[in-house]
Amino acid sequence: MSYVLGLIGWADGERTEEAIEAGIQWHLDPAHHAIWTDVKRPRFAGGMRLVAKIAGAKVLALTGQLVGDRPREDDPIERNGRVLRYRYDVRWDERPPRWVPVEELGRPFDQTIRSTRFISREEFLLAYRALHGIEPPRQS
């Protein structure tokens, strides 16, 4: 299984309760169960586990699982002058009880990224445990 660190939110977000809550709620709306990127990812596949980092706010906020093997190209969004053409649908896990500042976890979460990147299983587990306070459910 592969693991992904994805960006949600906006590059000019702030680390305030209101900004973070707005970003989380937007993504939890059924119409926005996804991550967007400006790069088509041929190695993305349904079932990959995801940790979502809110850009700008520098916090980890959600975990989930990619749905399907191909991006949708019918729902682009624009963020800070960049058109993000590729939508990868996500089935979000139950909302974590808290968000986690990336500084608490260190690398690779506190590094600046502009798009999605692969992370190791150990890094995914570290993030999942920090967000949810429990072990992730076993995959069936």
C-alpha atoms as a PDB file:
ATOM      1  CA  MET A   1       0.000   0.000   0.000  1.00  0.00           C
ATOM      2  CA  SER A   2       1.151   3.546  -0.719  1.00  0.00           C
ATOM      3  CA  TYR A   3       0.628   6.610   1.443  1.00  0.00           C
ATOM      4  CA  VAL A   4       0.204  10.217   0.351  1.00  0.00           C
ATOM      5  CA  LEU A   5       0.603  13.602   1.998  1.00  0.00           C
ATOM      6  CA  GLY A   6      -1.851  15.901   0.220  1.00  0.00           C
ATOM      7  CA  LEU A   7      -2.559  19.611   0.421  1.00  0.00           C
ATOM      8  CA  ILE A   8      -5.966  21.069   1.111  1.00  0.00           C
ATOM      9  CA  GLY A   9      -6.985  24.623   1.860  1.00  0.00           C
ATOM     10  CA  TRP A  10      -5.246  27.644   0.470  1.00  0.00           C
ATOM     11  CA  ALA A  11      -1.716  29.027   0.418  1.00  0.00           C
ATOM     12  CA  ASP A  12      -2.668  32.234   2.205  1.00  0.00           C
ATOM     13  CA  GLY A  13      -4.487  30.464   5.046  1.00  0.00           C
ATOM     14  CA  GLU A  14      -3.753  31.423   8.618  1.00  0.00           C
ATOM     15  CA  ARG A  15      -3.324  29.228  11.646  1.00  0.00           C
ATOM     16  CA  THR A  16      -6.454  30.456  13.371  1.00  0.00           C
ATOM     17  CA  GLU A  17      -9.334  28.335  14.588  1.00  0.00           C
ATOM     18  CA  GLU A  18     -11.653  30.059  12.115  1.00  0.00           C
ATOM     19  CA  ALA A  19      -9.411  29.582   9.066  1.00  0.00           C
ATOM     20  CA  ILE A  20      -8.634  25.962   9.887  1.00  0.00           C
ATOM     21  CA  GLU A  21     -12.256  25.148  10.636  1.00  0.00           C
ATOM     22  CA  ALA A  22     -13.349  26.745   7.349  1.00  0.00           C
ATOM     23  CA  GLY A  23     -10.839  24.646   5.403  1.00  0.00           C
ATOM     24  CA  ILE A  24     -11.869  21.432   7.141  1.00  0.00           C
ATOM     25  CA  GLN A  25     -15.592  22.097   6.745  1.00  0.00           C
ATOM     26  CA  TRP A  26     -15.190  22.928   3.048  1.00  0.00           C
ATOM     27  CA  HIS A  27     -13.519  19.563   2.455  1.00  0.00           C
ATOM     28  CA  LEU A  28     -16.057  17.670   4.562  1.00  0.00           C
ATOM     29  CA  ASP A  29     -18.881  18.988   2.376  1.00  0.00           C
ATOM     30  CA  PRO A  30     -19.885  15.987   0.201  1.00  0.00           C
ATOM     31  CA  ALA A  31     -19.294  18.037  -2.963  1.00  0.00           C
ATOM     32  CA  HIS A  32     -15.635  18.534  -1.987  1.00  0.00           C
ATOM     33  CA  HIS A  33     -14.538  15.077  -0.833  1.00  0.00           C
ATOM     34  CA  ALA A  34     -11.300  15.338  -2.812  1.00  0.00           C
ATOM     35  CA  ILE A  35      -7.849  16.755  -3.213  1.00  0.00           C
ATOM     36  CA  TRP A  36      -6.897  18.794  -6.275  1.00  0.00           C
ATOM     37  CA  THR A  37      -3.537  19.092  -8.014  1.00  0.00           C
ATOM     38  CA  ASP A  38      -2.108  20.690 -11.127  1.00  0.00           C
ATOM     39  CA  VAL A  39      -0.104  17.541 -11.896  1.00  0.00           C
ATOM     40  CA  LYS A  40      -1.683  14.331 -13.136  1.00  0.00           C
ATOM     41  CA  ARG A  41      -0.490  11.510 -10.883  1.00  0.00           C
ATOM     42  CA  PRO A  42      -0.272   8.246 -12.856  1.00  0.00           C
ATOM     43  CA  ARG A  43       0.838   6.342  -9.733  1.00  0.00           C
ATOM     44  CA  PHE A  44      -2.233   7.298  -7.680  1.00  0.00           C
ATOM     45  CA  ALA A  45      -4.647   4.427  -7.172  1.00  0.00           C
ATOM     46  CA  GLY A  46      -7.863   3.791  -5.322  1.00  0.00           C
ATOM     47  CA  GLY A  47      -7.276   2.641  -1.774  1.00  0.00           C
ATOM     48  CA  MET A  48      -4.155   4.714  -1.142  1.00  0.00           C
ATOM     49  CA  ARG A  49      -4.200   6.223   2.347  1.00  0.00           C
ATOM     50  CA  LEU A  50      -3.964  10.004   2.645  1.00  0.00           C
ATOM     51  CA  VAL A  51      -3.000  12.569   5.262  1.00  0.00           C
ATOM     52  CA  ALA A  52      -4.205  16.095   4.444  1.00  0.00           C
ATOM     53  CA  LYS A  53      -2.155  19.177   5.340  1.00  0.00           C
ATOM     54  CA  ILE A  54      -3.823  22.585   5.236  1.00  0.00           C
ATOM     55  CA  ALA A  55      -1.590  24.805   3.135  1.00  0.00           C
ATOM     56  CA  GLY A  56      -0.613  28.065   4.744  1.00  0.00           C
ATOM     57  CA  ALA A  57      -2.005  27.065   8.137  1.00  0.00           C
ATOM     58  CA  LYS A  58       0.670  24.339   8.391  1.00  0.00           C
ATOM     59  CA  VAL A  59      -1.461  21.812  10.206  1.00  0.00           C
ATOM     60  CA  LEU A  60      -2.512  18.242   9.512  1.00  0.00           C
ATOM     61  CA  ALA A  61      -6.283  18.097   9.548  1.00  0.00           C
ATOM     62  CA  LEU A  62      -7.823  15.000   7.953  1.00  0.00           C
ATOM     63  CA  THR A  63      -7.067  11.465   6.884  1.00  0.00           C
ATOM     64  CA  GLY A  64      -8.775   9.458   4.192  1.00  0.00           C
ATOM     65  CA  GLN A  65      -8.507   7.057   1.315  1.00  0.00           C
ATOM     66  CA  LEU A  66      -8.294   7.815  -2.401  1.00  0.00           C
ATOM     67  CA  VAL A  67     -11.276   6.560  -4.390  1.00  0.00           C
ATOM     68  CA  GLY A  68     -10.789   5.345  -7.941  1.00  0.00           C
ATOM     69  CA  ASP A  69      -7.746   5.086 -10.161  1.00  0.00           C
ATOM     70  CA  ARG A  70      -8.155   8.153 -12.349  1.00  0.00           C
ATOM     71  CA  PRO A  71      -8.536  11.841 -11.665  1.00  0.00           C
ATOM     72  CA  ARG A  72     -11.612  13.769 -12.628  1.00  0.00           C
ATOM     73  CA  GLU A  73     -10.935  16.688 -14.932  1.00  0.00           C
ATOM     74  CA  ASP A  74     -14.471  18.137 -14.907  1.00  0.00           C
ATOM     75  CA  ASP A  75     -14.149  20.090 -11.645  1.00  0.00           C
ATOM     76  CA  PRO A  76     -11.025  22.324 -11.699  1.00  0.00           C
ATOM     77  CA  ILE A  77     -10.473  24.929  -8.996  1.00  0.00           C
ATOM     78  CA  GLU A  78      -8.249  28.006  -8.908  1.00  0.00           C
ATOM     79  CA  ARG A  79      -6.030  28.804  -5.921  1.00  0.00           C
ATOM     80  CA  ASN A  80      -3.686  31.786  -5.835  1.00  0.00           C
ATOM     81  CA  GLY A  81      -3.460  32.034  -9.604  1.00  0.00           C
ATOM     82  CA  ARG A  82      -2.892  28.300 -10.124  1.00  0.00           C
ATOM     83  CA  VAL A  83      -5.532  26.192 -11.828  1.00  0.00           C
ATOM     84  CA  LEU A  84      -5.740  22.781 -10.204  1.00  0.00           C
ATOM     85  CA  ARG A  85      -7.224  20.636 -12.961  1.00  0.00           C
ATOM     86  CA  TYR A  86      -7.053  17.164 -11.489  1.00  0.00           C
ATOM     87  CA  ARG A  87      -9.478  16.122  -8.784  1.00  0.00           C
ATOM     88  CA  TYR A  88      -8.788  12.922  -6.870  1.00  0.00           C
ATOM     89  CA  ASP A  89     -11.830  11.854  -4.913  1.00  0.00           C
ATOM     90  CA  VAL A  90     -11.329  10.943  -1.259  1.00  0.00           C
ATOM     91  CA  ARG A  91     -13.389   9.012   1.259  1.00  0.00           C
ATOM     92  CA  TRP A  92     -12.541  10.925   4.437  1.00  0.00           C
ATOM     93  CA  ASP A  93     -12.115   9.034   7.684  1.00  0.00           C
ATOM     94  CA  GLU A  94     -14.124  10.103  10.695  1.00  0.00           C
ATOM     95  CA  ARG A  95     -13.082  13.630  11.569  1.00  0.00           C
ATOM     96  CA  PRO A  96     -10.145  13.670  13.996  1.00  0.00           C
ATOM     97  CA  PRO A  97     -10.765  15.216  17.413  1.00  0.00           C
ATOM     98  CA  ARG A  98      -8.002  17.763  16.790  1.00  0.00           C
ATOM     99  CA  TRP A  99      -5.710  19.182  14.144  1.00  0.00           C
ATOM    100  CA  VAL A 100      -1.952  18.929  14.616  1.00  0.00           C
ATOM    101  CA  PRO A 101       0.651  21.636  13.941  1.00  0.00           C
ATOM    102  CA  VAL A 102       3.273  20.202  11.584  1.00  0.00           C
ATOM    103  CA  GLU A 103       6.069  21.271  13.946  1.00  0.00           C
ATOM    104  CA  GLU A 104       4.891  18.629  16.426  1.00  0.00           C
ATOM    105  CA  LEU A 105       5.665  15.879  13.914  1.00  0.00           C
ATOM    106  CA  GLY A 106       8.741  17.181  12.115  1.00  0.00           C
ATOM    107  CA  ARG A 107       9.854  15.858   8.736  1.00  0.00           C
ATOM    108  CA  PRO A 108       8.335  15.419   6.227  1.00  0.00           C
ATOM    109  CA  PHE A 109       5.224  17.213   7.504  1.00  0.00           C
ATOM    110  CA  ASP A 110       6.920  20.492   8.411  1.00  0.00           C
ATOM    111  CA  GLN A 111       8.614  20.784   5.012  1.00  0.00           C
ATOM    112  CA  THR A 112       7.172  23.153   2.435  1.00  0.00           C
ATOM    113  CA  ILE A 113       5.390  21.384  -0.413  1.00  0.00           C
ATOM    114  CA  ARG A 114       3.350  22.744  -3.295  1.00  0.00           C
ATOM    115  CA  SER A 115       1.605  19.547  -4.258  1.00  0.00           C
ATOM    116  CA  THR A 116       1.073  15.994  -3.095  1.00  0.00           C
ATOM    117  CA  ARG A 117       3.936  13.669  -2.227  1.00  0.00           C
ATOM    118  CA  PHE A 118       4.368  10.079  -1.181  1.00  0.00           C
ATOM    119  CA  ILE A 119       5.222   9.318   2.449  1.00  0.00           C
ATOM    120  CA  SER A 120       6.254   6.122   4.180  1.00  0.00           C
ATOM    121  CA  ARG A 121       3.961   3.834   6.143  1.00  0.00           C
ATOM    122  CA  GLU A 122       5.721   4.899   9.357  1.00  0.00           C
ATOM    123  CA  GLU A 123       5.123   8.580   8.562  1.00  0.00           C
ATOM    124  CA  PHE A 124       1.466   7.888   7.831  1.00  0.00           C
ATOM    125  CA  LEU A 125       1.104   6.008  11.133  1.00  0.00           C
ATOM    126  CA  LEU A 126       2.772   8.860  13.042  1.00  0.00           C
ATOM    127  CA  ALA A 127       0.336  11.376  11.539  1.00  0.00           C
ATOM    128  CA  TYR A 128      -2.730   9.155  11.971  1.00  0.00           C
ATOM    129  CA  ARG A 129      -1.940   8.479  15.630  1.00  0.00           C
ATOM    130  CA  ALA A 130      -1.321  12.192  16.284  1.00  0.00           C
ATOM    131  CA  LEU A 131      -4.636  13.192  14.672  1.00  0.00           C
ATOM    132  CA  HIS A 132      -6.899  10.406  15.902  1.00  0.00           C
ATOM    133  CA  GLY A 133      -5.172   9.193  19.071  1.00  0.00           C
ATOM    134  CA  ILE A 134      -5.621   5.563  17.986  1.00  0.00           C
ATOM    135  CA  GLU A 135      -4.235   3.043  15.531  1.00  0.00           C
ATOM    136  CA  PRO A 136      -5.726   3.147  12.024  1.00  0.00           C
ATOM    137  CA  PRO A 137      -8.314   0.501  11.208  1.00  0.00           C
ATOM    138  CA  ARG A 138      -7.043  -2.569   9.435  1.00  0.00           C
ATOM    139  CA  GLN A 139      -7.590  -2.625   5.703  1.00  0.00           C
ATOM    140  CA  SER A 140      -9.993  -5.281   4.475  1.00  0.00           C
END
